[in-house]
Amino acid sequence: LRSADAAGVTAVVAPKDNSVGLGAT
């Protein structure tokens, strides 16, 4: 996400299953 912000990414997409979501870490 940090690299995506720096590169001006439109969106980051990931599957709901078997994938980490947003959290404190």
PDB file of all heavy atoms in Angstrom:
ATOM      1  N   LEU A   1       0.836  -1.206   0.000  1.00  0.00           N
ATOM      2  CA  LEU A   1       0.000   0.000   0.000  1.00  0.00           C
ATOM      3  C   LEU A   1       0.869   1.255   0.000  1.00  0.00           C
ATOM      4  O   LEU A   1       0.537   2.256  -0.649  1.00  0.00           O
ATOM      5  CB  LEU A   1      -0.928  -0.003   1.211  1.00  0.00           C
ATOM      6  CG  LEU A   1      -2.094  -0.991   1.162  1.00  0.00           C
ATOM      7  CD1 LEU A   1      -2.788  -1.073   2.517  1.00  0.00           C
ATOM      8  CD2 LEU A   1      -3.093  -0.588   0.089  1.00  0.00           C
ATOM      9  N   ARG A   2       1.974   1.196   0.707  1.00  0.00           N
ATOM     10  CA  ARG A   2       2.882   2.349   0.753  1.00  0.00           C
ATOM     11  C   ARG A   2       3.458   2.628  -0.641  1.00  0.00           C
ATOM     12  O   ARG A   2       3.514   3.778  -1.093  1.00  0.00           O
ATOM     13  CB  ARG A   2       4.001   2.069   1.754  1.00  0.00           C
ATOM     14  CG  ARG A   2       4.857   3.281   2.084  1.00  0.00           C
ATOM     15  CD  ARG A   2       5.767   2.957   3.249  1.00  0.00           C
ATOM     16  NE  ARG A   2       6.628   4.096   3.589  1.00  0.00           N
ATOM     17  CZ  ARG A   2       7.488   4.105   4.587  1.00  0.00           C
ATOM     18  NH1 ARG A   2       7.617   3.037   5.344  1.00  0.00           N
ATOM     19  NH2 ARG A   2       8.237   5.167   4.835  1.00  0.00           N
ATOM     20  N   SER A   3       3.879   1.562  -1.334  1.00  0.00           N
ATOM     21  CA  SER A   3       4.381   1.725  -2.703  1.00  0.00           C
ATOM     22  C   SER A   3       3.271   2.193  -3.637  1.00  0.00           C
ATOM     23  O   SER A   3       3.503   3.016  -4.529  1.00  0.00           O
ATOM     24  CB  SER A   3       4.965   0.402  -3.212  1.00  0.00           C
ATOM     25  OG  SER A   3       6.136   0.057  -2.497  1.00  0.00           O
ATOM     26  N   ALA A   4       2.064   1.660  -3.424  1.00  0.00           N
ATOM     27  CA  ALA A   4       0.928   2.042  -4.269  1.00  0.00           C
ATOM     28  C   ALA A   4       0.621   3.527  -4.140  1.00  0.00           C
ATOM     29  O   ALA A   4       0.342   4.215  -5.132  1.00  0.00           O
ATOM     30  CB  ALA A   4      -0.300   1.206  -3.900  1.00  0.00           C
ATOM     31  N   ASP A   5       0.683   4.041  -2.932  1.00  0.00           N
ATOM     32  CA  ASP A   5       0.445   5.464  -2.711  1.00  0.00           C
ATOM     33  C   ASP A   5       1.500   6.295  -3.426  1.00  0.00           C
ATOM     34  O   ASP A   5       1.194   7.273  -4.112  1.00  0.00           O
ATOM     35  CB  ASP A   5       0.448   5.752  -1.209  1.00  0.00           C
ATOM     36  CG  ASP A   5       0.201   7.221  -0.877  1.00  0.00           C
ATOM     37  OD1 ASP A   5      -0.598   7.854  -1.586  1.00  0.00           O
ATOM     38  OD2 ASP A   5       0.824   7.725   0.069  1.00  0.00           O
ATOM     39  N   ALA A   6       2.761   5.889  -3.280  1.00  0.00           N
ATOM     40  CA  ALA A   6       3.856   6.635  -3.897  1.00  0.00           C
ATOM     41  C   ALA A   6       3.767   6.630  -5.414  1.00  0.00           C
ATOM     42  O   ALA A   6       4.156   7.598  -6.076  1.00  0.00           O
ATOM     43  CB  ALA A   6       5.195   6.051  -3.443  1.00  0.00           C
ATOM     44  N   ALA A   7       3.246   5.544  -5.983  1.00  0.00           N
ATOM     45  CA  ALA A   7       3.162   5.415  -7.436  1.00  0.00           C
ATOM     46  C   ALA A   7       1.875   5.988  -8.014  1.00  0.00           C
ATOM     47  O   ALA A   7       1.699   5.993  -9.234  1.00  0.00           O
ATOM     48  CB  ALA A   7       3.300   3.946  -7.830  1.00  0.00           C
ATOM     49  N   GLY A   8       0.968   6.464  -7.162  1.00  0.00           N
ATOM     50  CA  GLY A   8      -0.281   7.039  -7.651  1.00  0.00           C
ATOM     51  C   GLY A   8      -1.279   6.009  -8.156  1.00  0.00           C
ATOM     52  O   GLY A   8      -2.013   6.254  -9.118  1.00  0.00           O
ATOM     53  N   VAL A   9      -1.308   4.847  -7.505  1.00  0.00           N
ATOM     54  CA  VAL A   9      -2.197   3.766  -7.921  1.00  0.00           C
ATOM     55  C   VAL A   9      -3.664   4.158  -7.742  1.00  0.00           C
ATOM     56  O   VAL A   9      -4.037   4.809  -6.759  1.00  0.00           O
ATOM     57  CB  VAL A   9      -1.859   2.483  -7.119  1.00  0.00           C
ATOM     58  CG1 VAL A   9      -2.988   1.476  -7.152  1.00  0.00           C
ATOM     59  CG2 VAL A   9      -0.581   1.866  -7.646  1.00  0.00           C
ATOM     60  N   THR A  10      -4.483   3.735  -8.688  1.00  0.00           N
ATOM     61  CA  THR A  10      -5.923   4.041  -8.653  1.00  0.00           C
ATOM     62  C   THR A  10      -6.620   3.277  -7.541  1.00  0.00           C
ATOM     63  O   THR A  10      -7.454   3.822  -6.816  1.00  0.00           O
ATOM     64  CB  THR A  10      -6.568   3.667 -10.004  1.00  0.00           C
ATOM     65  OG1 THR A  10      -5.873   4.327 -11.055  1.00  0.00           O
ATOM     66  CG2 THR A  10      -8.038   4.025 -10.024  1.00  0.00           C
ATOM     67  N   ALA A  11      -6.291   1.996  -7.412  1.00  0.00           N
ATOM     68  CA  ALA A  11      -6.898   1.143  -6.382  1.00  0.00           C
ATOM     69  C   ALA A  11      -6.057  -0.108  -6.219  1.00  0.00           C
ATOM     70  O   ALA A  11      -5.361  -0.536  -7.146  1.00  0.00           O
ATOM     71  CB  ALA A  11      -8.331   0.777  -6.742  1.00  0.00           C
ATOM     72  N   VAL A  12      -6.124  -0.686  -5.034  1.00  0.00           N
ATOM     73  CA  VAL A  12      -5.512  -1.987  -4.764  1.00  0.00           C
ATOM     74  C   VAL A  12      -6.652  -2.972  -4.565  1.00  0.00           C
ATOM     75  O   VAL A  12      -7.565  -2.738  -3.764  1.00  0.00           O
ATOM     76  CB  VAL A  12      -4.614  -1.947  -3.513  1.00  0.00           C
ATOM     77  CG1 VAL A  12      -4.058  -3.339  -3.207  1.00  0.00           C
ATOM     78  CG2 VAL A  12      -3.468  -0.953  -3.714  1.00  0.00           C
ATOM     79  N   VAL A  13      -6.609  -4.071  -5.305  1.00  0.00           N
ATOM     80  CA  VAL A  13      -7.693  -5.054  -5.295  1.00  0.00           C
ATOM     81  C   VAL A  13      -7.155  -6.386  -4.791  1.00  0.00           C
ATOM     82  O   VAL A  13      -6.054  -6.808  -5.182  1.00  0.00           O
ATOM     83  CB  VAL A  13      -8.287  -5.220  -6.710  1.00  0.00           C
ATOM     84  CG1 VAL A  13      -9.370  -6.291  -6.718  1.00  0.00           C
ATOM     85  CG2 VAL A  13      -8.842  -3.891  -7.208  1.00  0.00           C
ATOM     86  N   ALA A  14      -7.927  -7.055  -3.938  1.00  0.00           N
ATOM     87  CA  ALA A  14      -7.535  -8.356  -3.401  1.00  0.00           C
ATOM     88  C   ALA A  14      -8.790  -9.189  -3.162  1.00  0.00           C
ATOM     89  O   ALA A  14      -9.879  -8.640  -2.960  1.00  0.00           O
ATOM     90  CB  ALA A  14      -6.764  -8.185  -2.093  1.00  0.00           C
ATOM     91  N   PRO A  15      -8.665 -10.506  -3.187  1.00  0.00           N
ATOM     92  CA  PRO A  15      -9.829 -11.349  -2.884  1.00  0.00           C
ATOM     93  C   PRO A  15     -10.173 -11.300  -1.401  1.00  0.00           C
ATOM     94  O   PRO A  15      -9.305 -11.033  -0.562  1.00  0.00           O
ATOM     95  CB  PRO A  15      -9.363 -12.747  -3.303  1.00  0.00           C
ATOM     96  CG  PRO A  15      -7.879 -12.702  -3.178  1.00  0.00           C
ATOM     97  CD  PRO A  15      -7.472 -11.301  -3.526  1.00  0.00           C
ATOM     98  N   LYS A  16     -11.436 -11.556  -1.096  1.00  0.00           N
ATOM     99  CA  LYS A  16     -11.854 -11.576   0.305  1.00  0.00           C
ATOM    100  C   LYS A  16     -11.347 -12.819   1.023  1.00  0.00           C
ATOM    101  O   LYS A  16     -11.035 -12.779   2.215  1.00  0.00           O
ATOM    102  CB  LYS A  16     -13.385 -11.512   0.393  1.00  0.00           C
ATOM    103  CG  LYS A  16     -13.966 -10.157   0.022  1.00  0.00           C
ATOM    104  CD  LYS A  16     -15.479 -10.149   0.194  1.00  0.00           C
ATOM    105  CE  LYS A  16     -16.046  -8.764  -0.136  1.00  0.00           C
ATOM    106  NZ  LYS A  16     -17.528  -8.735  -0.028  1.00  0.00           N
ATOM    107  N   ASP A  17     -11.289 -13.937   0.311  1.00  0.00           N
ATOM    108  CA  ASP A  17     -10.858 -15.197   0.917  1.00  0.00           C
ATOM    109  C   ASP A  17      -9.350 -15.368   0.818  1.00  0.00           C
ATOM    110  O   ASP A  17      -8.727 -14.990  -0.176  1.00  0.00           O
ATOM    111  CB  ASP A  17     -11.552 -16.376   0.227  1.00  0.00           C
ATOM    112  CG  ASP A  17     -13.062 -16.364   0.446  1.00  0.00           C
ATOM    113  OD1 ASP A  17     -13.502 -15.820   1.482  1.00  0.00           O
ATOM    114  OD2 ASP A  17     -13.791 -16.879  -0.424  1.00  0.00           O
ATOM    115  N   ASN A  18      -8.771 -15.970   1.841  1.00  0.00           N
ATOM    116  CA  ASN A  18      -7.336 -16.272   1.857  1.00  0.00           C
ATOM    117  C   ASN A  18      -6.487 -15.055   1.539  1.00  0.00           C
ATOM    118  O   ASN A  18      -5.523 -15.127   0.764  1.00  0.00           O
ATOM    119  CB  ASN A  18      -7.022 -17.406   0.865  1.00  0.00           C
ATOM    120  CG  ASN A  18      -7.764 -18.686   1.199  1.00  0.00           C
ATOM    121  OD1 ASN A  18      -7.807 -19.095   2.355  1.00  0.00           O
ATOM    122  ND2 ASN A  18      -8.377 -19.297   0.197  1.00  0.00           N
ATOM    123  N   SER A  19      -6.852 -13.941   2.131  1.00  0.00           N
ATOM    124  CA  SER A  19      -6.135 -12.691   1.885  1.00  0.00           C
ATOM    125  C   SER A  19      -6.290 -11.806   3.118  1.00  0.00           C
ATOM    126  O   SER A  19      -7.371 -11.734   3.703  1.00  0.00           O
ATOM    127  CB  SER A  19      -6.717 -12.000   0.652  1.00  0.00           C
ATOM    128  OG  SER A  19      -6.080 -10.769   0.414  1.00  0.00           O
ATOM    129  N   VAL A  20      -5.226 -11.125   3.507  1.00  0.00           N
ATOM    130  CA  VAL A  20      -5.288 -10.269   4.679  1.00  0.00           C
ATOM    131  C   VAL A  20      -6.030  -8.968   4.345  1.00  0.00           C
ATOM    132  O   VAL A  20      -5.942  -8.460   3.225  1.00  0.00           O
ATOM    133  CB  VAL A  20      -3.858  -9.963   5.202  1.00  0.00           C
ATOM    134  CG1 VAL A  20      -3.076  -9.115   4.222  1.00  0.00           C
ATOM    135  CG2 VAL A  20      -3.906  -9.295   6.565  1.00  0.00           C
ATOM    136  N   GLY A  21      -6.787  -8.467   5.311  1.00  0.00           N
ATOM    137  CA  GLY A  21      -7.470  -7.193   5.143  1.00  0.00           C
ATOM    138  C   GLY A  21      -6.766  -6.101   5.934  1.00  0.00           C
ATOM    139  O   GLY A  21      -5.695  -6.310   6.509  1.00  0.00           O
ATOM    140  N   LEU A  22      -7.368  -4.930   5.952  1.00  0.00           N
ATOM    141  CA  LEU A  22      -6.787  -3.816   6.691  1.00  0.00           C
ATOM    142  C   LEU A  22      -6.882  -4.075   8.190  1.00  0.00           C
ATOM    143  O   LEU A  22      -7.906  -4.525   8.688  1.00  0.00           O
ATOM    144  CB  LEU A  22      -7.504  -2.510   6.338  1.00  0.00           C
ATOM    145  CG  LEU A  22      -7.426  -2.057   4.881  1.00  0.00           C
ATOM    146  CD1 LEU A  22      -8.180  -0.754   4.700  1.00  0.00           C
ATOM    147  CD2 LEU A  22      -5.978  -1.906   4.436  1.00  0.00           C
ATOM    148  N   GLY A  23      -5.819  -3.765   8.897  1.00  0.00           N
ATOM    149  CA  GLY A  23      -5.781  -3.919  10.342  1.00  0.00           C
ATOM    150  C   GLY A  23      -4.696  -3.030  10.917  1.00  0.00           C
ATOM    151  O   GLY A  23      -4.018  -2.292  10.192  1.00  0.00           O
ATOM    152  N   ALA A  24      -4.507  -3.101  12.225  1.00  0.00           N
ATOM    153  CA  ALA A  24      -3.566  -2.202  12.893  1.00  0.00           C
ATOM    154  C   ALA A  24      -2.154  -2.331  12.348  1.00  0.00           C
ATOM    155  O   ALA A  24      -1.461  -1.328  12.131  1.00  0.00           O
ATOM    156  CB  ALA A  24      -3.575  -2.474  14.401  1.00  0.00           C
ATOM    157  N   THR A  25      -1.691  -3.560  12.124  1.00  0.00           N
ATOM    158  CA  THR A  25      -0.337  -3.746  11.615  1.00  0.00           C
ATOM    159  C   THR A  25      -0.196  -3.178  10.208  1.00  0.00           C
ATOM    160  O   THR A  25       0.813  -2.547   9.871  1.00  0.00           O
ATOM    161  CB  THR A  25       0.044  -5.239  11.617  1.00  0.00           C
ATOM    162  OG1 THR A  25      -0.004  -5.733  12.962  1.00  0.00           O
ATOM    163  CG2 THR A  25       1.444  -5.454  11.065  1.00  0.00           C
TER     164      THR A  25
END
